[in-house]
Every structure is written in structure tokens, then in C-alpha cells.
Amino acid sequence: MVDLKGQYEKIKAEVDAAIHEVIDNTAFINGPQVKKFAEELADYLKSDYVIPCGNGTDALQIALMALDLKTGDEVIVPCFTYVATAEVIALLHLKPVMVEVDPDTFNITAEIFEKAITSKTKAVVPVHLFGQCADMETIMEVANKHHIFVIEDTAQAIGADYSFSDGSIKKAGTIGHVGSTSFFPSKNLGCYGDGGALYTNDTALGTTIKKIANHGQAKKYHHELVGVNSRLDTIQAAVLNVKLKHLNEYAKARQIAAATYDKGFEAVAWIQTPVRQHNSTHVFHQYTLKVAKNIDRTALRDFLAEKGIPSMVYYPVALHLQKAFATDEFGKGDFPISEELCERVLSLPIHTEMTSAELDYIIETVKSYKND
């Protein structure tokens, strides 16, 4: 699905030098490369504060902790997403309130969000799924009207641009009160292990987040808050410093691959290619098709595997049907769009090193599939 080795080989000299610098200096925890990465990512995002942390799940948890929510407070999340988004809510004894997504973009909308608001709603987590922003302008309007915090989960959409109706543009993750991201190796900006970050333009939140991520302290051994130990490893920061310089180039490569797929599948009636929102660029963390109802997706995946083509299903089970979140409140059939997506989506390989020959082979192989 990704070619991390091919990507590494192109930047090998830079990466190796950066890693060796960390080893030579032996500043393995909170070394200067971590601060440098935070500053350079803040400059790239045009964000006042960037706080690196251990991973993307930690980033979501720390963001929620910084909002000082109370047991039982409700946090709205899409039903069609990775488990981490809801997992951290439950871990903090908050209530994840799952909602439907748009059937074409796979993201929540302001209308869906507003319908789920109750007197206990304190936050919403729009997930910019597969690399495209949710409609943040209208979501922020609803959130501000109801005094609700917005945490953007931009683990799959770092580098995406969102355009507002007044012509202004902001990066994914810098629109809500807090943005969170993951640097898992397969992400558009990935390190060589675990890593994550939070961003905000709110001084009070930025200060609190920084403390929480460091055992609740601003000064060593003086703990103002109950925090966690979540930090970006110095070696990972060194890798990210190198790769951040290439992030726009990586996004362009993915977009070219996606456009090639689009053109190749435009006449295939049983395939719906990814729908683009007019107000967001798409950085294609995944290239996700929606196959027709009469297509046996498992058989299609087996057929592709026989031809040497990997594929993935993101995600096979909607959150409300996961055993970890099972309640009497919701069951099968209550979120029909999310449930249908779980049965019909299929992601094809997309990464920065794809060649025209590889894309053509995948396209022609998919088109040759005949459903029995």
C-alpha cells in the first residue's frame, strides 16, 4: 500500500545524516531536533503553537484533557473512522456520541453535527478522512453558536488546504480550537516509529497542552496538572525535519496518482471514485473507491491479491458495532450510511513512489475483474 523503502532511498543521505547527528550528540530525549521540528511545522501550518507528542492517539487524548471536560460530557464523533477517535473519549470517562457521515465525502457535516447536539455536548471531533477536510467553515459556525470545542483529527490530512467563503485559506488542523495528527510511518508525513503532534492558535490551550504532555509541568518537578508522559523521540523528530521539506512534493505525487486512477476508472459503472469537496484540497492518504452493491468485495480483493496488488478496507466495522462500544442505545441498522460504507469501500495503493506503469497495471487489473 505504501513504498517506504523507495521513499527513504531518495532522501537517504539527508535522513542518515540527521539520525547520526542525534546519535553523535546523544540528546535522545527532547533534543534540539524536537524543538526545531515544532518550530518548522508551526511555520508550515501557520499555527501559533505546535506541541509534539508520542503518537496520534496521545494527541487526541491530550487535546481532550486540555479542555477540562467532566465525566459524562458528550463528544460527537463520526461513526465511520478509526477507533482511536472514540477510544480516547471513553478512556477519559466522557461519552462518545457517534453520528453519520456524508455518503460521498465520508466526513461529518455541520447539519449532521448540529442534530446530535444536546445540553451535555461539549466537543466535536471532525475527522478529515482519507486526506480531505470536512466542511470546517459551517462546522465552526455551529460550534461557536453552541459554545462547543472543536478538535480536528487531521492524522490523514496533514498539508490539506481548506478555503473559506471569504477567500482565505487555512491548513487542515488549524481551524478548530485544537488540531491533532499522527506521524505513523505510513502517513503523508510519517516518521520511522511512533509520533504525533497537537496544534492550536489559543495561548491558554497551547500552554496547557504543553504541560499535560510533560507530566503536567512547566518547570521540572513542579506539577500543576495531572498529565501524561508523551513526547516525540529526538530521532523521529530528526527524520520528520527532513521529510517536512518534501511534504508538498509528496502531496503532489499522491494527487497525480489519484488523478490517474480517476481517469482510468471514469467509465467503470460499478466504481465510484473519491468525491472532491470544492473547498478543500485532497492529499490522498488513501485512495478509496466505493464499489457497487452487486460487487463481491472480498472476491475482488482476492482477485487483486492473485495479481500481486494489495488492497485494504478502511474500515470494515462501524464504531457503533464494535464490541468495545456496544450499548443498548444503538445497533445494526441505526447508522445505515456508515454500515454500507463498511461493506463497499476499498482502498488501492497510493504513495509517493508510484510509477505510471504500476498505476496502469492496477487500473487495467481492476477493470478486468468480473463479478460472478
Protein backbone atom coordinates (compact mmCIF):
# COMPACT_ATOMS: atom_id res chain seq x y z
CA MET A 1 0.00 0.00 0.00
CA VAL A 2 2.99 2.30 0.59
CA ASP A 3 6.63 2.19 -0.51
CA LEU A 4 8.55 3.49 2.49
CA LYS A 5 11.81 1.97 1.31
CA GLY A 6 11.61 3.68 -2.07
CA GLN A 7 10.83 6.98 -0.41
CA TYR A 8 13.72 6.55 2.03
CA GLU A 9 16.21 5.78 -0.73
CA LYS A 10 15.54 9.17 -2.34
CA ILE A 11 16.30 11.06 0.87
CA LYS A 12 18.72 8.53 2.38
CA ALA A 13 21.69 10.85 2.68
CA GLU A 14 19.64 13.55 4.46
CA VAL A 15 17.92 11.10 6.80
CA ASP A 16 21.09 9.19 7.68
CA ALA A 17 22.94 12.42 8.45
CA ALA A 18 20.08 13.66 10.63
CA ILE A 19 19.93 10.41 12.60
CA HIS A 20 23.70 10.28 13.06
CA GLU A 21 23.69 13.85 14.36
CA VAL A 22 21.29 12.80 17.13
CA ILE A 23 23.42 9.77 18.00
CA ASP A 24 26.62 11.80 17.97
CA ASN A 25 25.11 14.41 20.29
CA THR A 26 23.35 11.76 22.47
CA ALA A 27 20.42 14.10 23.21
CA PHE A 28 17.93 11.29 22.76
CA ILE A 29 15.05 12.82 24.76
CA ASN A 30 13.82 16.34 23.96
CA GLY A 31 16.91 17.07 21.90
CA PRO A 32 17.22 20.24 19.81
CA GLN A 33 15.72 18.47 16.77
CA VAL A 34 12.36 18.24 18.58
CA LYS A 35 12.21 21.99 19.13
CA LYS A 36 13.36 22.62 15.57
CA PHE A 37 10.65 20.36 14.17
CA ALA A 38 7.96 22.05 16.28
CA GLU A 39 9.06 25.45 15.01
CA GLU A 40 9.26 24.39 11.37
CA LEU A 41 5.90 22.61 11.44
CA ALA A 42 4.34 25.67 13.10
CA ASP A 43 5.74 27.82 10.31
CA TYR A 44 4.43 25.42 7.65
CA LEU A 45 0.96 25.31 9.19
CA LYS A 46 0.91 29.00 10.19
CA SER A 47 -0.01 27.85 13.68
CA ASP A 48 0.99 29.69 16.85
CA TYR A 49 1.68 26.53 18.82
CA VAL A 50 2.83 23.06 17.78
CA ILE A 51 3.39 20.57 20.60
CA PRO A 52 4.97 17.26 19.52
CA CYS A 53 3.91 14.13 21.41
CA GLY A 54 4.27 10.36 21.40
CA ASN A 55 1.65 9.38 18.83
CA GLY A 56 -1.63 10.42 17.24
CA THR A 57 -3.80 8.73 19.84
CA ASP A 58 -1.97 10.57 22.61
CA ALA A 59 -2.56 13.79 20.69
CA LEU A 60 -6.32 13.25 20.73
CA GLN A 61 -6.29 12.33 24.41
CA ILE A 62 -4.18 15.32 25.43
CA ALA A 63 -6.44 17.64 23.44
CA LEU A 64 -9.48 16.39 25.34
CA MET A 65 -7.66 16.61 28.67
CA ALA A 66 -6.77 20.24 27.95
CA LEU A 67 -10.45 21.15 27.61
CA ASP A 68 -11.14 20.22 31.25
CA LEU A 69 -14.24 18.22 30.44
CA LYS A 70 -16.22 16.42 33.14
CA THR A 71 -17.29 12.81 33.49
CA GLY A 72 -20.32 12.17 31.29
CA ASP A 73 -19.77 15.14 28.99
CA GLU A 74 -20.59 14.26 25.39
CA VAL A 75 -18.17 14.41 22.48
CA ILE A 76 -19.51 13.97 18.95
CA VAL A 77 -17.51 11.73 16.61
CA PRO A 78 -18.16 10.18 13.19
CA CYS A 79 -19.25 6.57 13.23
CA PHE A 80 -17.06 5.79 10.21
CA THR A 81 -13.49 6.29 11.40
CA TYR A 82 -10.60 4.60 13.14
CA VAL A 83 -11.23 3.51 16.72
CA ALA A 84 -8.70 5.91 18.30
CA THR A 85 -11.02 8.87 17.78
CA ALA A 86 -13.67 7.37 20.07
CA GLU A 87 -11.32 5.32 22.23
CA VAL A 88 -9.71 8.29 23.95
CA ILE A 89 -13.13 9.80 24.71
CA ALA A 90 -14.19 6.64 26.53
CA LEU A 91 -10.84 6.37 28.34
CA LEU A 92 -11.44 9.80 29.87
CA HIS A 93 -14.92 8.76 31.07
CA LEU A 94 -16.58 11.01 28.54
CA LYS A 95 -19.38 9.82 26.28
CA PRO A 96 -18.63 9.33 22.59
CA VAL A 97 -21.74 10.31 20.64
CA MET A 98 -21.50 8.70 17.24
CA VAL A 99 -23.02 10.32 14.17
CA GLU A 100 -23.41 9.53 10.49
CA VAL A 101 -21.15 10.79 7.74
CA ASP A 102 -21.77 12.16 4.28
CA PRO A 103 -22.08 9.19 1.87
CA ASP A 104 -19.78 10.77 -0.71
CA THR A 105 -17.04 12.58 1.22
CA PHE A 106 -17.15 10.21 4.25
CA ASN A 107 -16.85 13.23 6.58
CA ILE A 108 -19.34 14.69 9.04
CA THR A 109 -21.26 17.81 8.05
CA ALA A 110 -22.49 20.77 10.06
CA GLU A 111 -26.07 19.56 9.65
CA ILE A 112 -25.27 16.10 11.00
CA PHE A 113 -23.26 17.62 13.85
CA GLU A 114 -25.96 20.09 14.88
CA LYS A 115 -28.69 17.45 15.02
CA ALA A 116 -26.68 15.50 17.60
CA ILE A 117 -26.10 18.40 20.00
CA THR A 118 -27.61 18.11 23.49
CA SER A 119 -27.17 20.06 26.69
CA LYS A 120 -24.26 17.74 27.54
CA THR A 121 -22.37 18.24 24.27
CA LYS A 122 -19.03 19.85 24.98
CA ALA A 123 -16.86 18.95 21.97
CA VAL A 124 -16.87 17.57 18.43
CA VAL A 125 -14.07 15.75 16.61
CA PRO A 126 -14.32 16.18 12.83
CA VAL A 127 -12.10 13.57 11.18
CA HIS A 128 -10.61 14.69 7.86
CA LEU A 129 -10.91 11.19 6.49
CA PHE A 130 -8.56 9.84 3.81
CA GLY A 131 -6.96 13.27 3.23
CA GLN A 132 -9.78 15.76 2.67
CA CYS A 133 -11.12 18.34 5.13
CA ALA A 134 -14.62 18.20 6.50
CA ASP A 135 -16.62 21.39 5.83
CA MET A 136 -14.97 23.31 8.64
CA GLU A 137 -16.45 26.74 7.97
CA THR A 138 -20.02 25.57 8.65
CA ILE A 139 -18.92 23.22 11.43
CA MET A 140 -17.21 26.12 13.20
CA GLU A 141 -20.32 28.27 12.80
CA VAL A 142 -22.42 25.64 14.54
CA ALA A 143 -19.78 25.03 17.21
CA ASN A 144 -19.43 28.72 18.01
CA LYS A 145 -23.20 29.15 18.17
CA HIS A 146 -23.48 26.36 20.74
CA HIS A 147 -20.17 27.05 22.57
CA ILE A 148 -18.68 23.68 21.64
CA PHE A 149 -14.98 22.89 21.36
CA VAL A 150 -13.67 21.60 18.02
CA ILE A 151 -10.78 19.12 17.89
CA GLU A 152 -9.69 18.41 14.32
CA ASP A 153 -8.39 14.90 13.76
CA THR A 154 -6.04 15.54 10.87
CA ALA A 155 -3.98 12.36 11.10
CA GLN A 156 -4.83 11.60 7.46
CA ALA A 157 -4.90 15.13 6.04
CA ILE A 158 -1.76 16.99 7.08
CA GLY A 159 -0.96 19.55 4.39
CA ALA A 160 -4.50 19.81 3.01
CA ASP A 161 -5.76 23.35 2.36
CA TYR A 162 -9.25 24.49 3.34
CA SER A 163 -10.74 27.53 1.54
CA PHE A 164 -13.25 29.78 3.29
CA SER A 165 -16.04 31.69 1.56
CA ASP A 166 -14.11 34.96 2.03
CA GLY A 167 -11.18 33.55 0.04
CA SER A 168 -8.89 32.89 2.99
CA ILE A 169 -7.11 29.54 3.23
CA LYS A 170 -6.00 27.56 6.26
CA LYS A 171 -4.22 24.26 6.69
CA ALA A 172 -6.11 21.24 7.99
CA GLY A 173 -5.92 21.16 11.78
CA THR A 174 -5.52 24.92 12.27
CA ILE A 175 -9.20 25.86 12.02
CA GLY A 176 -10.70 24.36 15.18
CA HIS A 177 -9.66 25.02 18.76
CA VAL A 178 -7.10 22.20 18.63
CA GLY A 179 -5.69 20.09 15.82
CA SER A 180 -4.15 16.67 16.28
CA THR A 181 -2.10 14.50 13.98
CA SER A 182 -0.13 11.26 13.75
CA PHE A 183 3.29 10.64 12.25
CA PHE A 184 2.80 6.88 11.93
CA PRO A 185 5.20 5.69 9.21
CA SER A 186 2.53 5.27 6.51
CA LYS A 187 1.08 8.78 7.00
CA ASN A 188 1.69 11.51 4.44
CA LEU A 189 4.25 12.93 6.88
CA GLY A 190 5.48 9.83 8.65
CA CYS A 191 8.45 9.12 10.88
CA TYR A 192 10.23 5.79 11.37
CA GLY A 193 8.31 4.82 14.50
CA ASP A 194 5.55 6.44 16.53
CA GLY A 195 4.98 10.17 16.72
CA GLY A 196 2.27 12.79 16.90
CA ALA A 197 1.57 16.46 17.48
CA LEU A 198 -1.07 18.98 18.51
CA TYR A 199 -1.55 22.48 17.17
CA THR A 200 -3.52 25.49 18.32
CA ASN A 201 -3.65 29.25 17.99
CA ASP A 202 -5.03 29.65 21.52
CA THR A 203 -2.34 30.70 24.01
CA ALA A 204 -4.07 29.25 27.06
CA LEU A 205 -4.72 25.92 25.34
CA GLY A 206 -1.21 25.78 23.93
CA THR A 207 0.29 26.34 27.38
CA THR A 208 -1.97 23.72 28.97
CA ILE A 209 -1.32 21.13 26.25
CA LYS A 210 2.42 21.55 26.62
CA LYS A 211 2.16 20.96 30.37
CA ILE A 212 -0.13 17.94 30.06
CA ALA A 213 2.19 16.24 27.57
CA ASN A 214 5.06 16.69 30.05
CA HIS A 215 3.65 15.25 33.29
CA GLY A 216 1.62 18.40 33.93
CA GLN A 217 4.70 20.53 34.49
CA ALA A 218 6.14 23.70 33.01
CA LYS A 219 9.04 23.68 35.47
CA LYS A 220 10.78 20.41 36.28
CA TYR A 221 9.42 18.70 39.41
CA HIS A 222 6.64 21.30 39.79
CA HIS A 223 3.44 19.58 38.61
CA GLU A 224 0.50 21.92 38.16
CA LEU A 225 -1.77 19.42 36.43
CA VAL A 226 -2.28 15.69 36.20
CA GLY A 227 -0.58 14.99 32.88
CA VAL A 228 0.94 12.20 30.85
CA ASN A 229 4.38 11.33 29.54
CA SER A 230 4.06 11.77 25.80
CA ARG A 231 6.98 13.07 23.82
CA LEU A 232 8.31 12.82 20.31
CA ASP A 233 11.57 10.87 20.20
CA THR A 234 14.51 13.00 19.08
CA ILE A 235 15.48 10.58 16.31
CA GLN A 236 11.93 10.68 14.97
CA ALA A 237 11.97 14.47 15.06
CA ALA A 238 15.20 14.42 13.05
CA VAL A 239 13.55 12.23 10.40
CA LEU A 240 10.49 14.48 10.32
CA ASN A 241 12.67 17.58 9.90
CA VAL A 242 13.95 16.06 6.67
CA LYS A 243 10.59 14.82 5.41
CA LEU A 244 8.67 18.03 6.20
CA LYS A 245 10.68 19.77 3.48
CA HIS A 246 9.21 17.27 0.99
CA LEU A 247 5.61 17.26 2.25
CA ASN A 248 4.13 19.39 -0.55
CA GLU A 249 6.03 17.34 -3.11
CA TYR A 250 4.64 14.15 -1.53
CA ALA A 251 1.10 15.52 -1.66
CA LYS A 252 1.54 16.41 -5.34
CA ALA A 253 2.73 12.88 -6.15
CA ARG A 254 -0.31 11.40 -4.43
CA GLN A 255 -2.63 13.81 -6.24
CA ILE A 256 -1.13 12.87 -9.61
CA ALA A 257 -1.62 9.18 -8.81
CA ALA A 258 -5.21 9.86 -7.74
CA ALA A 259 -5.94 11.77 -10.95
CA THR A 260 -4.57 8.85 -12.96
CA TYR A 261 -6.85 6.46 -11.09
CA ASP A 262 -9.81 8.80 -11.63
CA LYS A 263 -9.29 8.90 -15.37
CA GLY A 264 -8.74 5.15 -15.56
CA PHE A 265 -11.97 4.35 -13.73
CA GLU A 266 -14.23 7.07 -15.17
CA ALA A 267 -16.05 4.67 -17.49
CA VAL A 268 -16.37 1.83 -14.97
CA ALA A 269 -20.01 1.84 -13.88
CA TRP A 270 -19.52 -0.23 -10.73
CA ILE A 271 -16.88 2.07 -9.25
CA GLN A 272 -17.38 5.44 -7.54
CA THR A 273 -14.08 7.30 -7.36
CA PRO A 274 -13.33 9.69 -4.46
CA VAL A 275 -15.55 12.77 -4.41
CA ARG A 276 -13.73 16.09 -4.02
CA GLN A 277 -15.14 18.90 -1.90
CA HIS A 278 -15.00 22.29 -3.62
CA ASN A 279 -13.48 23.97 -0.54
CA SER A 280 -10.72 21.50 0.34
CA THR A 281 -7.72 20.07 -1.40
CA HIS A 282 -7.29 16.32 -1.09
CA VAL A 283 -3.87 14.95 -0.11
CA PHE A 284 -4.92 11.30 -0.56
CA HIS A 285 -3.66 9.49 2.46
CA GLN A 286 -5.87 6.80 0.97
CA TYR A 287 -7.41 6.41 -2.47
CA THR A 288 -10.75 4.87 -1.56
CA LEU A 289 -13.25 3.56 -4.05
CA LYS A 290 -16.87 2.74 -3.36
CA VAL A 291 -17.89 -0.37 -5.26
CA ALA A 292 -21.44 -1.14 -6.37
CA LYS A 293 -23.72 -3.18 -4.14
CA ASN A 294 -23.65 -6.14 -6.50
CA ILE A 295 -19.86 -6.44 -6.35
CA ASP A 296 -18.39 -9.11 -4.10
CA ARG A 297 -15.68 -7.03 -2.48
CA THR A 298 -13.95 -10.00 -0.86
CA ALA A 299 -13.74 -11.77 -4.20
CA LEU A 300 -12.42 -8.59 -5.79
CA ARG A 301 -9.71 -8.30 -3.14
CA ASP A 302 -8.76 -11.95 -3.63
CA PHE A 303 -8.59 -11.38 -7.39
CA LEU A 304 -6.31 -8.37 -6.94
CA ALA A 305 -4.11 -10.25 -4.47
CA GLU A 306 -3.64 -13.06 -7.00
CA LYS A 307 -2.36 -10.42 -9.42
CA GLY A 308 0.06 -9.03 -6.84
CA ILE A 309 -1.99 -5.95 -5.96
CA PRO A 310 -2.62 -5.18 -2.28
CA SER A 311 -5.81 -3.50 -1.11
CA MET A 312 -7.30 -2.55 2.23
CA VAL A 313 -10.71 -1.93 3.76
CA TYR A 314 -10.78 1.21 5.90
CA TYR A 315 -12.96 0.38 7.86
CA PRO A 316 -14.74 -2.99 7.96
CA VAL A 317 -16.81 -2.34 11.12
CA ALA A 318 -18.53 0.90 12.07
CA LEU A 319 -17.76 2.17 15.58
CA HIS A 320 -21.25 1.57 16.97
CA LEU A 321 -20.97 -2.12 16.05
CA GLN A 322 -17.57 -2.60 17.66
CA LYS A 323 -17.79 -4.76 20.80
CA ALA A 324 -15.86 -2.15 22.79
CA PHE A 325 -18.63 0.41 22.21
CA ALA A 326 -21.67 -1.88 22.23
CA THR A 327 -24.66 -0.39 24.08
CA ASP A 328 -28.41 -0.82 24.05
CA GLU A 329 -28.63 2.68 22.57
CA PHE A 330 -27.52 1.70 19.06
CA GLY A 331 -27.45 -1.45 16.99
CA LYS A 332 -27.20 -2.70 13.43
CA GLY A 333 -29.23 -0.52 11.09
CA ASP A 334 -29.02 2.66 13.15
CA PHE A 335 -26.25 4.19 11.03
CA PRO A 336 -27.04 2.83 7.57
CA ILE A 337 -24.64 5.06 5.63
CA SER A 338 -21.64 4.12 7.77
CA GLU A 339 -22.63 0.46 7.72
CA GLU A 340 -22.95 0.50 3.94
CA LEU A 341 -19.57 2.18 3.55
CA CYS A 342 -18.01 -0.54 5.69
CA GLU A 343 -19.34 -3.06 3.18
CA ARG A 344 -18.45 -1.17 -0.02
CA VAL A 345 -15.24 0.86 0.39
CA LEU A 346 -11.93 -0.39 -0.94
CA SER A 347 -8.59 1.42 -0.83
CA LEU A 348 -5.99 0.89 -3.53
CA PRO A 349 -2.23 1.51 -3.22
CA ILE A 350 -1.29 5.18 -3.28
CA HIS A 351 2.05 6.63 -2.28
CA THR A 352 4.82 8.97 -3.32
CA GLU A 353 6.81 6.48 -5.39
CA MET A 354 4.14 5.12 -7.75
CA THR A 355 5.11 4.83 -11.40
CA SER A 356 2.86 5.21 -14.43
CA ALA A 357 3.39 1.53 -15.20
CA GLU A 358 2.27 0.49 -11.73
CA LEU A 359 -0.82 2.69 -11.89
CA ASP A 360 -1.74 1.43 -15.35
CA TYR A 361 -1.35 -2.17 -14.23
CA ILE A 362 -3.59 -1.65 -11.19
CA ILE A 363 -6.22 0.18 -13.24
CA GLU A 364 -6.34 -2.43 -16.00
CA THR A 365 -6.43 -5.28 -13.47
CA VAL A 366 -9.33 -3.74 -11.54
CA LYS A 367 -11.21 -3.07 -14.79
CA SER A 368 -10.72 -6.70 -15.87
CA TYR A 369 -12.45 -8.03 -12.78
CA LYS A 370 -15.71 -9.80 -13.49
CA ASN A 371 -18.04 -10.35 -10.59
CA ASP A 372 -19.56 -13.82 -10.55
